N, C-alpha and C. Protein backbone atom coordinates (compact mmCIF):
# COMPACT_ATOMS: atom_id res chain seq x y z
N MET A 1 -94.56 42.64 33.94
CA MET A 1 -95.26 43.73 32.55
C MET A 1 -94.43 42.42 31.21
N GLY A 2 -95.66 42.95 30.33
CA GLY A 2 -95.54 42.53 29.09
C GLY A 2 -95.62 43.29 28.02
N GLY A 3 -95.25 42.66 26.87
CA GLY A 3 -95.34 43.88 26.03
C GLY A 3 -94.28 44.07 25.55
N GLN A 4 -93.69 45.59 25.12
CA GLN A 4 -92.54 46.16 24.57
C GLN A 4 -91.87 46.28 25.69
N TYR A 5 -92.53 46.27 26.96
CA TYR A 5 -91.95 46.63 28.51
C TYR A 5 -91.48 46.01 29.09
N ARG A 6 -91.27 44.54 28.54
CA ARG A 6 -90.71 43.69 29.35
C ARG A 6 -89.42 43.85 29.90
N ILE A 7 -88.78 43.27 30.71
CA ILE A 7 -87.61 43.50 31.41
C ILE A 7 -86.78 41.96 31.46
N THR A 8 -85.84 42.22 30.54
CA THR A 8 -85.04 40.59 30.54
C THR A 8 -84.12 40.93 30.53
N GLY A 9 -83.37 39.62 31.45
CA GLY A 9 -81.40 39.39 31.49
C GLY A 9 -81.65 39.76 33.47
N ASP A 10 -80.69 39.39 33.94
CA ASP A 10 -80.97 39.23 35.60
C ASP A 10 -80.26 40.28 36.19
N LYS A 11 -80.06 41.57 35.51
CA LYS A 11 -79.51 42.37 36.63
C LYS A 11 -80.50 43.61 36.35
N TYR A 12 -80.56 44.16 37.79
CA TYR A 12 -81.30 45.30 38.12
C TYR A 12 -80.73 46.38 38.30
N PRO A 13 -80.95 47.63 37.76
CA PRO A 13 -80.91 48.82 38.06
C PRO A 13 -81.04 49.13 39.67
N ARG A 14 -79.48 49.86 40.43
CA ARG A 14 -79.52 49.78 41.84
C ARG A 14 -79.89 51.40 42.12
N MET A 15 -80.98 51.49 43.26
CA MET A 15 -81.00 53.07 43.39
C MET A 15 -80.27 53.28 44.36
N ARG A 16 -79.13 54.40 43.70
CA ARG A 16 -78.31 55.23 45.07
C ARG A 16 -77.83 56.29 44.38
N ARG A 17 -77.69 57.18 46.00
CA ARG A 17 -77.47 58.49 45.45
C ARG A 17 -75.94 58.44 44.50
N PRO A 18 -76.12 59.85 43.95
CA PRO A 18 -74.42 60.09 43.37
C PRO A 18 -73.91 60.42 44.19
N ARG A 19 -72.28 59.87 44.09
CA ARG A 19 -71.77 60.14 45.21
C ARG A 19 -70.39 61.36 44.68
N ARG A 20 -70.82 62.64 45.97
CA ARG A 20 -70.29 63.55 46.19
C ARG A 20 -68.69 63.63 45.78
N ARG A 21 -68.19 63.49 45.19
CA ARG A 21 -66.91 63.39 45.08
C ARG A 21 -66.07 64.84 44.95
N GLY A 22 -67.28 65.58 44.47
CA GLY A 22 -66.25 67.33 44.46
C GLY A 22 -66.48 67.52 45.92
N ARG A 23 -67.43 67.49 46.21
CA ARG A 23 -67.30 67.93 48.00
C ARG A 23 -66.48 67.20 49.07
N LEU A 24 -66.36 66.24 48.35
CA LEU A 24 -65.44 65.78 49.78
C LEU A 24 -63.77 66.03 49.30
N VAL A 25 -63.32 66.30 47.80
CA VAL A 25 -62.42 66.94 47.84
C VAL A 25 -61.85 68.32 48.14
N LEU A 26 -62.94 68.96 47.50
CA LEU A 26 -62.67 70.23 48.95
C LEU A 26 -62.54 70.25 50.08
N MET A 27 -63.16 69.62 50.91
CA MET A 27 -63.11 69.34 52.51
C MET A 27 -61.90 68.90 52.43
N VAL A 28 -61.39 68.13 51.76
CA VAL A 28 -59.92 67.27 52.05
C VAL A 28 -58.67 68.33 52.15
N VAL A 29 -58.97 69.26 50.69
CA VAL A 29 -58.23 70.85 50.28
C VAL A 29 -58.35 71.63 51.51
N ALA A 30 -59.74 72.07 51.96
CA ALA A 30 -59.66 72.92 53.31
C ALA A 30 -58.91 72.30 54.74
N SER A 31 -59.14 71.15 54.68
CA SER A 31 -58.46 70.23 55.64
C SER A 31 -57.07 70.83 55.98
N VAL A 32 -56.41 70.23 54.84
CA VAL A 32 -55.33 70.44 54.58
C VAL A 32 -54.31 71.98 54.67
N ALA A 33 -55.55 72.72 54.35
CA ALA A 33 -55.30 74.14 54.29
C ALA A 33 -54.60 75.10 55.87
N VAL A 34 -55.78 74.25 56.16
CA VAL A 34 -55.77 75.09 58.16
C VAL A 34 -54.86 74.17 58.96
N LEU A 35 -54.56 73.00 58.36
CA LEU A 35 -53.36 72.02 59.23
C LEU A 35 -51.92 73.33 58.84
N GLY A 36 -51.93 73.82 57.88
CA GLY A 36 -50.99 74.34 57.10
C GLY A 36 -50.53 75.54 57.75
N VAL A 37 -51.74 76.31 57.78
CA VAL A 37 -51.97 77.57 58.18
C VAL A 37 -51.81 77.62 59.99
N GLY A 38 -51.84 76.54 60.46
CA GLY A 38 -52.06 76.69 61.83
C GLY A 38 -50.30 76.08 62.52
N GLY A 39 -50.16 75.41 61.45
CA GLY A 39 -48.80 74.94 61.53
C GLY A 39 -47.49 75.85 61.49
N TRP A 40 -47.58 76.79 60.78
CA TRP A 40 -46.61 78.10 60.01
C TRP A 40 -47.05 79.05 61.46
N GLY A 41 -48.11 79.03 61.63
CA GLY A 41 -48.40 80.01 63.26
C GLY A 41 -48.19 79.69 64.08
N THR A 42 -47.37 78.55 64.46
CA THR A 42 -46.88 77.84 65.69
C THR A 42 -45.43 78.12 65.66
N LEU A 43 -44.93 77.86 64.45
CA LEU A 43 -43.81 77.93 64.35
C LEU A 43 -43.16 79.30 64.28
N GLN A 44 -44.18 80.33 63.86
CA GLN A 44 -43.72 81.64 64.33
C GLN A 44 -43.71 82.03 65.18
N LEU A 45 -44.90 82.05 66.53
CA LEU A 45 -44.94 82.29 67.91
C LEU A 45 -43.50 81.17 68.70
N ILE A 46 -43.08 79.64 68.26
CA ILE A 46 -42.02 79.98 68.80
C ILE A 46 -40.67 80.36 68.63
N ASP A 47 -40.75 81.18 67.27
CA ASP A 47 -39.63 81.33 66.80
C ASP A 47 -39.50 82.83 67.50
N VAL A 48 -40.53 83.57 68.25
CA VAL A 48 -40.37 84.81 68.72
C VAL A 48 -40.23 85.00 70.34
N PHE A 49 -40.86 82.97 71.00
CA PHE A 49 -40.07 83.25 72.07
C PHE A 49 -39.29 82.46 72.56
N THR A 50 -38.67 82.27 71.77
CA THR A 50 -37.02 81.84 72.10
C THR A 50 -35.86 82.24 71.39
N GLY A 51 -36.36 83.93 70.87
CA GLY A 51 -35.48 84.90 70.84
C GLY A 51 -34.60 84.59 69.50
N GLY A 52 -35.35 83.84 68.30
CA GLY A 52 -35.19 84.25 67.49
C GLY A 52 -34.49 82.15 66.58
N GLY A 53 -34.31 81.48 67.53
CA GLY A 53 -34.89 79.96 67.03
C GLY A 53 -33.17 79.66 66.29
N LYS A 54 -33.11 79.28 65.19
CA LYS A 54 -32.18 78.83 64.74
C LYS A 54 -30.75 80.20 64.70
N GLN A 55 -31.30 81.22 64.39
CA GLN A 55 -30.55 82.29 64.02
C GLN A 55 -29.65 82.71 65.30
N ALA A 56 -30.11 82.71 66.83
CA ALA A 56 -29.60 83.16 67.59
C ALA A 56 -28.64 81.66 67.91
N ALA A 57 -28.95 80.38 68.25
CA ALA A 57 -28.29 79.24 67.68
C ALA A 57 -27.07 79.14 66.89
N ALA A 58 -26.94 79.91 65.13
CA ALA A 58 -26.26 80.00 64.65
C ALA A 58 -25.05 80.87 64.96
N ALA A 59 -26.16 81.88 65.73
CA ALA A 59 -25.05 83.02 65.69
C ALA A 59 -23.45 82.46 66.75
N GLY A 60 -24.51 81.71 67.97
CA GLY A 60 -23.16 81.01 68.87
C GLY A 60 -22.85 82.25 69.59
N PRO A 61 -21.15 81.78 70.05
CA PRO A 61 -20.18 82.76 70.89
C PRO A 61 -19.95 83.93 70.36
N LYS A 62 -20.01 83.89 68.99
CA LYS A 62 -19.52 85.10 68.31
C LYS A 62 -20.25 86.54 68.69
N ALA A 63 -21.95 86.01 68.98
CA ALA A 63 -22.92 87.17 69.44
C ALA A 63 -22.66 87.60 70.16
N ALA A 64 -22.51 86.40 71.25
CA ALA A 64 -22.00 86.58 72.90
C ALA A 64 -20.49 87.56 72.95
N CYS A 65 -19.50 87.32 71.89
CA CYS A 65 -18.20 87.83 72.40
C CYS A 65 -18.63 89.51 71.64
N ALA A 66 -19.05 89.53 71.20
CA ALA A 66 -19.48 91.00 70.64
C ALA A 66 -20.35 91.92 71.71
N THR A 67 -20.77 91.39 72.28
CA THR A 67 -21.42 92.17 73.35
C THR A 67 -20.42 92.93 74.56
N LYS A 68 -20.36 93.71 74.64
CA LYS A 68 -19.11 94.77 74.84
C LYS A 68 -19.89 96.12 75.84
N ALA A 69 -19.00 96.51 76.62
CA ALA A 69 -19.58 97.35 78.41
C ALA A 69 -19.21 98.79 76.95
N SER A 70 -20.74 99.98 77.36
CA SER A 70 -20.71 101.38 76.66
C SER A 70 -20.79 101.83 77.44
N PRO A 71 -20.46 102.71 77.81
CA PRO A 71 -20.76 104.00 78.58
C PRO A 71 -21.83 104.70 78.08
N SER A 72 -22.62 104.76 79.39
CA SER A 72 -23.89 105.60 79.37
C SER A 72 -24.29 106.89 78.91
N ALA A 73 -25.12 107.10 77.93
CA ALA A 73 -25.12 108.30 77.28
C ALA A 73 -25.31 109.85 78.67
N SER A 74 -24.86 110.52 78.37
CA SER A 74 -24.98 111.43 79.36
C SER A 74 -26.12 113.08 78.52
N THR A 75 -27.05 113.48 79.65
CA THR A 75 -27.99 114.09 79.22
C THR A 75 -27.23 115.72 79.26
N GLY A 76 -26.56 115.59 80.39
CA GLY A 76 -26.38 117.35 80.58
C GLY A 76 -27.19 118.00 81.87
N THR A 77 -28.69 116.79 82.41
CA THR A 77 -29.05 117.48 83.19
C THR A 77 -28.59 117.38 84.37
N SER A 78 -28.79 117.73 85.44
CA SER A 78 -28.67 118.51 87.05
C SER A 78 -29.20 117.37 87.63
N THR A 79 -28.70 116.18 88.05
CA THR A 79 -29.01 114.86 88.49
C THR A 79 -27.80 114.32 89.27
N GLY A 80 -26.76 114.97 89.45
CA GLY A 80 -25.43 114.52 90.34
C GLY A 80 -24.33 114.72 90.04
N ALA A 81 -25.09 114.27 88.40
CA ALA A 81 -23.34 114.09 87.75
C ALA A 81 -23.35 115.06 86.31
N THR A 82 -22.48 115.12 86.07
CA THR A 82 -22.41 116.49 84.93
C THR A 82 -21.70 115.88 83.05
N THR A 83 -22.05 116.01 82.86
CA THR A 83 -21.07 115.79 81.35
C THR A 83 -19.64 116.28 81.63
N ASP A 84 -18.34 115.60 80.87
CA ASP A 84 -17.32 115.97 80.83
C ASP A 84 -17.21 117.42 80.52
N SER A 85 -17.43 117.82 79.56
CA SER A 85 -16.96 119.23 78.88
C SER A 85 -17.70 120.25 79.87
N ALA A 86 -19.10 120.02 80.81
CA ALA A 86 -18.92 120.84 82.25
C ALA A 86 -18.66 120.89 83.12
N VAL A 87 -17.94 120.02 83.52
CA VAL A 87 -17.01 119.87 84.69
C VAL A 87 -15.62 120.48 84.69
N PRO A 88 -15.68 121.31 85.09
CA PRO A 88 -13.97 122.15 85.37
C PRO A 88 -13.06 121.69 86.38
N LYS A 89 -12.51 121.87 86.19
CA LYS A 89 -11.12 121.46 87.68
C LYS A 89 -10.71 122.07 88.30
N PRO A 90 -10.56 121.41 89.18
CA PRO A 90 -10.29 122.43 90.43
C PRO A 90 -9.28 124.10 90.58
N ALA A 91 -8.71 123.25 89.53
CA ALA A 91 -7.83 124.66 89.32
C ALA A 91 -8.49 125.90 88.44
N GLN A 92 -9.43 125.39 87.79
CA GLN A 92 -10.33 126.41 87.47
C GLN A 92 -11.09 126.95 88.04
N ILE A 93 -11.46 126.68 89.30
CA ILE A 93 -12.16 127.41 90.18
C ILE A 93 -11.66 128.11 91.21
N THR A 94 -12.20 129.43 91.24
CA THR A 94 -11.80 130.67 92.28
C THR A 94 -12.93 130.39 93.68
N VAL A 95 -12.40 129.90 94.92
CA VAL A 95 -12.91 129.83 95.92
C VAL A 95 -12.72 131.37 97.19
N ASN A 96 -13.87 131.56 97.81
CA ASN A 96 -13.66 132.39 98.17
C ASN A 96 -14.36 131.64 99.70
N VAL A 97 -13.40 131.91 101.03
CA VAL A 97 -13.84 131.01 102.10
C VAL A 97 -14.21 131.91 103.38
N TYR A 98 -15.68 131.56 103.78
CA TYR A 98 -15.94 132.70 104.65
C TYR A 98 -16.53 131.54 106.40
N ASN A 99 -15.76 131.74 107.02
CA ASN A 99 -16.52 131.57 108.46
C ASN A 99 -17.42 132.42 108.68
N ALA A 100 -18.62 131.67 109.08
CA ALA A 100 -19.70 131.96 109.68
C ALA A 100 -20.12 131.39 111.25
N THR A 101 -19.00 130.70 111.62
CA THR A 101 -19.17 130.12 112.98
C THR A 101 -18.64 131.33 114.05
N PRO A 102 -18.59 131.05 115.36
CA PRO A 102 -17.97 131.37 116.46
C PRO A 102 -16.74 131.33 116.32
N ARG A 103 -16.46 130.02 115.89
CA ARG A 103 -14.58 129.44 115.97
C ARG A 103 -13.88 130.14 115.23
N SER A 104 -13.01 130.99 115.85
CA SER A 104 -11.88 131.55 114.91
C SER A 104 -10.89 130.50 114.37
N GLY A 105 -10.43 131.03 113.41
CA GLY A 105 -9.35 130.10 112.45
C GLY A 105 -9.48 129.58 111.36
N LEU A 106 -11.16 128.98 111.20
CA LEU A 106 -11.18 127.55 110.52
C LEU A 106 -11.32 128.52 108.61
N ALA A 107 -11.95 130.09 108.42
CA ALA A 107 -11.48 129.96 107.22
C ALA A 107 -10.21 129.93 106.42
N LYS A 108 -9.21 130.21 107.30
CA LYS A 108 -7.98 130.38 106.97
C LYS A 108 -7.35 128.87 106.61
N SER A 109 -7.66 127.66 107.62
CA SER A 109 -7.00 126.53 107.65
C SER A 109 -7.92 125.70 106.74
N THR A 110 -9.12 125.80 106.14
CA THR A 110 -9.97 125.39 104.78
C THR A 110 -9.38 125.88 103.83
N ALA A 111 -9.15 127.16 103.72
CA ALA A 111 -8.64 127.47 102.56
C ALA A 111 -7.47 127.29 102.20
N ASP A 112 -6.36 126.78 103.22
CA ASP A 112 -5.01 126.13 102.80
C ASP A 112 -5.06 125.24 102.32
N GLU A 113 -6.15 124.19 103.00
CA GLU A 113 -6.01 122.67 102.11
C GLU A 113 -6.93 122.55 100.99
N LEU A 114 -7.98 123.80 100.89
CA LEU A 114 -8.48 123.38 99.45
C LEU A 114 -7.60 123.91 98.45
N LYS A 115 -6.41 125.06 98.75
CA LYS A 115 -5.17 125.49 97.76
C LYS A 115 -4.32 124.23 98.04
N LYS A 116 -3.93 123.36 98.86
CA LYS A 116 -3.41 121.80 98.20
C LYS A 116 -4.32 121.14 97.30
N ARG A 117 -5.34 121.34 97.61
CA ARG A 117 -6.00 120.25 96.64
C ARG A 117 -6.23 120.89 95.26
N GLY A 118 -5.96 122.13 94.93
CA GLY A 118 -5.90 122.37 93.57
C GLY A 118 -6.62 123.27 93.08
N PHE A 119 -7.52 124.07 94.14
CA PHE A 119 -8.06 124.66 94.34
C PHE A 119 -7.42 126.14 93.89
N LYS A 120 -8.25 127.61 93.13
CA LYS A 120 -7.62 128.88 93.67
C LYS A 120 -8.56 129.56 94.56
N ILE A 121 -7.37 130.07 95.65
CA ILE A 121 -8.22 130.99 97.03
C ILE A 121 -8.60 132.28 96.46
N GLY A 122 -9.97 133.22 96.53
CA GLY A 122 -10.00 134.29 96.77
C GLY A 122 -10.07 135.22 97.97
N ASP A 123 -10.95 135.44 98.45
CA ASP A 123 -11.23 135.94 99.47
C ASP A 123 -11.22 135.38 100.82
N VAL A 124 -10.54 135.33 101.89
CA VAL A 124 -11.14 134.51 103.22
C VAL A 124 -11.36 135.67 104.36
N GLY A 125 -11.80 135.34 105.05
CA GLY A 125 -12.50 136.02 106.18
C GLY A 125 -13.83 135.62 106.97
N ASN A 126 -14.31 136.25 107.50
CA ASN A 126 -15.65 135.97 108.17
C ASN A 126 -16.41 136.18 107.30
N ALA A 127 -17.72 135.68 107.53
CA ALA A 127 -18.79 135.32 107.03
C ALA A 127 -19.97 137.12 107.27
N SER A 128 -20.58 137.26 106.21
CA SER A 128 -21.39 138.89 106.35
C SER A 128 -22.41 139.05 107.04
N ALA A 129 -22.84 139.91 107.57
CA ALA A 129 -24.11 139.58 108.64
C ALA A 129 -25.55 138.97 107.82
N GLN A 130 -25.62 138.46 106.84
CA GLN A 130 -26.34 137.82 106.15
C GLN A 130 -26.19 136.54 106.56
N TRP A 131 -24.86 135.88 106.64
CA TRP A 131 -25.01 134.43 107.06
C TRP A 131 -24.38 134.14 108.23
N ASP A 132 -23.24 135.41 109.33
CA ASP A 132 -22.84 134.66 110.20
C ASP A 132 -23.47 134.67 111.15
N LYS A 133 -23.37 132.99 111.66
CA LYS A 133 -23.76 132.17 112.81
C LYS A 133 -25.50 132.29 112.38
N LYS A 134 -25.84 132.08 111.19
CA LYS A 134 -26.64 131.62 110.63
C LYS A 134 -26.96 130.09 109.63
N VAL A 135 -25.69 129.71 109.74
CA VAL A 135 -25.65 128.37 108.82
C VAL A 135 -25.85 127.68 109.92
N LYS A 136 -26.98 126.45 109.68
CA LYS A 136 -26.75 125.48 110.64
C LYS A 136 -25.60 124.28 110.50
N GLY A 137 -25.79 124.15 109.18
CA GLY A 137 -25.07 122.54 108.46
C GLY A 137 -23.79 123.08 108.33
N THR A 138 -23.31 121.91 107.56
CA THR A 138 -21.94 122.06 107.60
C THR A 138 -21.17 123.07 106.66
N GLY A 139 -21.95 123.88 105.37
CA GLY A 139 -21.64 124.68 105.15
C GLY A 139 -22.81 125.26 104.00
N VAL A 140 -22.36 126.38 103.35
CA VAL A 140 -23.24 126.61 102.30
C VAL A 140 -22.25 127.00 100.83
N LEU A 141 -22.53 126.67 99.75
CA LEU A 141 -21.82 126.76 99.05
C LEU A 141 -22.40 127.74 97.61
N LEU A 142 -21.87 129.29 97.44
CA LEU A 142 -22.86 129.91 96.84
C LEU A 142 -22.36 130.09 95.73
N GLY A 143 -22.90 130.62 94.35
CA GLY A 143 -22.19 131.03 93.42
C GLY A 143 -23.43 131.54 92.15
N PRO A 144 -23.18 131.82 90.91
CA PRO A 144 -24.12 132.57 90.17
C PRO A 144 -24.87 131.30 89.73
N ALA A 145 -25.67 131.37 88.95
CA ALA A 145 -26.74 130.20 88.28
C ALA A 145 -25.83 129.33 87.38
N ALA A 146 -24.46 130.15 86.94
CA ALA A 146 -24.08 129.22 85.82
C ALA A 146 -23.24 128.15 86.33
N ALA A 147 -22.81 128.32 87.83
CA ALA A 147 -22.16 127.58 88.62
C ALA A 147 -23.03 126.32 88.86
N LEU A 148 -24.14 126.38 89.21
CA LEU A 148 -25.12 125.20 89.71
C LEU A 148 -24.66 123.61 89.19
N ASP A 149 -24.49 123.63 87.73
CA ASP A 149 -23.91 122.35 87.13
C ASP A 149 -22.39 121.97 86.83
N THR A 150 -21.30 122.79 87.23
CA THR A 150 -20.39 123.32 87.02
C THR A 150 -19.28 123.22 88.22
N SER A 151 -19.06 124.37 88.76
CA SER A 151 -18.22 124.56 89.73
C SER A 151 -18.78 123.94 90.96
N LEU A 152 -20.06 124.48 91.28
CA LEU A 152 -20.97 123.92 92.73
C LEU A 152 -20.55 122.39 92.48
N PRO A 153 -20.92 121.74 92.06
CA PRO A 153 -20.46 119.92 92.50
C PRO A 153 -19.22 120.18 92.55
N VAL A 154 -18.45 120.51 91.79
CA VAL A 154 -16.78 120.10 92.18
C VAL A 154 -16.92 120.50 93.37
N LEU A 155 -16.76 121.38 94.29
CA LEU A 155 -16.64 121.87 95.14
C LEU A 155 -17.06 120.86 96.10
N ALA A 156 -18.47 120.73 95.89
CA ALA A 156 -18.87 120.01 96.70
C ALA A 156 -18.75 118.58 97.14
N THR A 157 -17.63 118.33 96.25
CA THR A 157 -16.73 116.70 96.69
C THR A 157 -15.94 116.74 97.80
N GLN A 158 -15.85 118.09 97.92
CA GLN A 158 -14.75 118.66 99.50
C GLN A 158 -15.59 118.67 100.41
N LEU A 159 -16.66 119.09 100.30
CA LEU A 159 -17.61 119.26 101.76
C LEU A 159 -18.42 118.52 101.91
N THR A 160 -18.96 117.39 102.30
CA THR A 160 -19.91 116.57 101.88
C THR A 160 -20.80 117.01 103.02
N GLY A 161 -22.37 117.02 102.67
CA GLY A 161 -23.85 117.70 103.43
C GLY A 161 -23.39 118.78 102.99
N ALA A 162 -22.80 119.78 102.20
CA ALA A 162 -23.07 121.16 102.59
C ALA A 162 -24.11 121.51 101.28
N GLU A 163 -24.95 122.48 101.72
CA GLU A 163 -25.74 123.18 100.93
C GLU A 163 -25.62 124.03 99.76
N ARG A 164 -26.59 123.94 98.24
CA ARG A 164 -25.81 124.64 97.27
C ARG A 164 -27.16 125.54 97.18
N ARG A 165 -26.42 126.95 96.99
CA ARG A 165 -27.21 127.84 96.29
C ARG A 165 -26.08 128.78 95.22
N THR A 166 -27.38 129.40 94.69
CA THR A 166 -27.52 130.53 93.51
C THR A 166 -27.82 131.63 93.63
N GLU A 167 -27.34 132.47 93.08
CA GLU A 167 -27.84 133.89 93.09
C GLU A 167 -27.67 134.43 91.69
N ALA A 168 -29.14 134.67 90.76
CA ALA A 168 -29.68 135.06 89.71
C ALA A 168 -28.51 136.18 89.24
N THR A 169 -28.45 137.13 90.32
CA THR A 169 -27.79 138.31 89.94
C THR A 169 -26.29 138.67 89.84
N ARG A 170 -25.90 137.46 90.32
CA ARG A 170 -24.20 137.52 90.86
C ARG A 170 -23.34 137.35 89.57
N LYS A 171 -22.45 137.70 89.09
CA LYS A 171 -21.73 138.15 88.15
C LYS A 171 -20.58 136.99 88.22
N GLY A 172 -19.59 136.95 87.11
CA GLY A 172 -18.70 136.36 87.30
C GLY A 172 -18.28 134.46 87.86
N SER A 173 -17.53 133.92 87.56
CA SER A 173 -17.59 132.57 88.08
C SER A 173 -16.56 132.30 89.28
N THR A 174 -17.03 133.15 90.36
CA THR A 174 -16.32 132.66 91.11
C THR A 174 -17.48 132.11 92.49
N VAL A 175 -16.64 131.42 93.32
CA VAL A 175 -17.84 130.61 94.07
C VAL A 175 -17.65 130.97 95.44
N ASP A 176 -18.38 131.06 96.66
CA ASP A 176 -18.18 131.04 98.05
C ASP A 176 -17.90 129.29 98.89
N LEU A 177 -17.35 129.76 99.86
CA LEU A 177 -17.59 128.61 101.23
C LEU A 177 -17.36 129.35 101.81
N ILE A 178 -18.95 128.73 102.50
CA ILE A 178 -19.43 129.56 103.75
C ILE A 178 -19.15 128.47 104.71
N ILE A 179 -18.67 128.36 105.94
CA ILE A 179 -18.32 127.37 106.92
C ILE A 179 -19.94 127.76 107.89
N GLY A 180 -20.49 126.72 108.28
CA GLY A 180 -21.60 126.38 109.37
C GLY A 180 -21.13 125.86 110.43
N THR A 181 -22.22 126.02 111.36
CA THR A 181 -21.88 125.62 112.54
C THR A 181 -21.07 124.21 113.16
N ALA A 182 -21.68 123.15 111.74
CA ALA A 182 -21.74 121.63 112.11
C ALA A 182 -20.70 121.49 111.46
N PHE A 183 -19.62 121.91 110.49
CA PHE A 183 -18.21 122.13 110.23
C PHE A 183 -17.32 121.38 111.19
N LYS A 184 -16.52 120.36 110.84
CA LYS A 184 -15.91 119.85 111.21
C LYS A 184 -14.39 120.11 110.58
N ASP A 185 -14.52 119.55 109.67
CA ASP A 185 -12.92 119.16 108.65
C ASP A 185 -13.84 119.05 107.09
N LEU A 186 -12.93 119.49 106.02
CA LEU A 186 -13.19 118.64 104.59
C LEU A 186 -13.49 117.50 104.74
N THR A 187 -14.15 116.89 103.63
CA THR A 187 -14.13 115.52 102.91
C THR A 187 -12.60 114.64 103.26
N ALA A 188 -12.36 113.77 103.80
CA ALA A 188 -11.16 113.43 103.49
C ALA A 188 -10.66 113.59 102.21
N LYS A 189 -9.35 113.56 101.70
CA LYS A 189 -9.12 113.66 100.16
C LYS A 189 -9.29 112.90 99.64
N ALA A 190 -9.27 111.13 100.11
CA ALA A 190 -9.31 109.94 99.29
C ALA A 190 -10.63 109.54 99.12
N ALA A 191 -11.47 110.36 99.70
CA ALA A 191 -12.86 109.66 99.18
C ALA A 191 -13.28 111.10 98.22
N ALA A 192 -12.84 112.71 98.77
CA ALA A 192 -12.75 113.79 97.80
C ALA A 192 -13.05 113.28 96.77
N ASP A 193 -11.41 112.78 96.15
CA ASP A 193 -10.74 112.35 95.01
C ASP A 193 -11.78 111.39 94.19
N LYS A 194 -11.99 110.38 95.06
CA LYS A 194 -12.96 109.34 94.64
C LYS A 194 -14.38 110.09 93.32
N ALA A 195 -14.63 110.97 94.89
CA ALA A 195 -15.90 111.73 94.02
C ALA A 195 -15.82 112.56 92.98
N LEU A 196 -15.08 113.10 92.95
CA LEU A 196 -14.28 114.06 91.99
C LEU A 196 -13.63 113.00 90.56
N ALA A 197 -13.70 112.24 90.93
CA ALA A 197 -13.05 111.16 89.64
C ALA A 197 -14.30 110.88 89.14
N ALA A 198 -15.09 110.48 89.64
CA ALA A 198 -16.87 109.84 89.65
C ALA A 198 -17.56 111.09 88.92
N LEU A 199 -17.47 112.24 89.14
CA LEU A 199 -18.22 113.45 88.59
C LEU A 199 -17.79 113.88 87.35
N ALA A 200 -16.22 113.84 87.18
CA ALA A 200 -15.42 114.12 85.87
C ALA A 200 -15.72 113.19 84.80
N GLY A 201 -16.02 111.54 85.06
CA GLY A 201 -16.00 110.60 84.43
C GLY A 201 -16.78 109.50 84.86
N PRO A 202 -18.48 109.54 84.80
CA PRO A 202 -18.85 108.29 85.37
C PRO A 202 -18.48 107.09 84.85
N GLU A 203 -18.53 106.23 85.29
CA GLU A 203 -17.95 104.80 84.96
C GLU A 203 -18.88 104.28 84.20
N PRO A 204 -18.42 103.18 83.02
CA PRO A 204 -19.59 102.69 81.96
C PRO A 204 -20.40 101.59 82.69
N THR A 205 -21.57 101.82 81.96
CA THR A 205 -22.54 100.87 82.21
C THR A 205 -22.03 99.31 81.67
N ALA A 206 -21.92 98.22 82.06
CA ALA A 206 -21.38 97.27 81.05
C ALA A 206 -22.99 95.90 81.52
N SER A 207 -22.75 95.80 80.15
CA SER A 207 -23.76 94.68 80.07
C SER A 207 -23.42 93.33 80.48
N ALA A 208 -24.04 92.17 80.14
CA ALA A 208 -23.63 91.08 80.67
C ALA A 208 -22.72 90.15 79.66
N SER A 209 -21.56 89.61 79.73
CA SER A 209 -20.77 89.11 78.97
C SER A 209 -20.47 87.83 79.07
N PRO A 210 -19.98 87.13 77.93
CA PRO A 210 -19.08 85.63 78.35
C PRO A 210 -17.85 85.88 79.24
N LYS A 211 -17.92 84.61 79.87
CA LYS A 211 -16.24 84.68 80.63
C LYS A 211 -14.96 84.58 80.14
N SER A 212 -15.28 83.94 78.56
CA SER A 212 -14.42 83.87 77.90
C SER A 212 -14.52 84.14 76.14
N CYS A 213 -14.01 84.32 75.25
CA CYS A 213 -14.00 84.60 73.97
C CYS A 213 -13.09 83.73 73.08
N SER A 214 -13.15 83.36 72.09
CA SER A 214 -11.81 82.74 71.36
C SER A 214 -12.06 83.92 70.11
């Protein structure tokens, strides 16, 4: 080409796309942010599944030594054991002993043994027609409704397998031991004392603890 549009010199313009530096920088920043968030989440998961990580390790033996046995909370419900405040002592319980079997002398001998074990004794004799020769098990423990979780469990420690019953209309606190045909003898005193101790004060539930603490 000639005239005023003549090209001079030995350098020519190169045709290339402009560099998209702004987009490249944005992508780099986004990638770094994603990696940072992912790494933080991973650390949080590791901390959760390892139970505190560095904090648990720093606590070390001191945390282990702080773990001690603690007694289970008492609910006061009737589950075979009662709260300490609800359990009377044998000396606070008056027992009537009645014989519902054809064998003679059982009421007196049983009453004498219960007296030796600390119970108060009320009436002693043959069972009424309602119970006479109608108790097939070792015996029936009978009392007012209030005795279900108090006096009757204590008396039950002395006669394994005895049935417990209450009478809603019965007044007072005295309970009855009605001897049944399967009765042979009261529970051995050692076993009865152990059951009575467990009833009055259940053993605490201990959690795992280290062998030694400094």
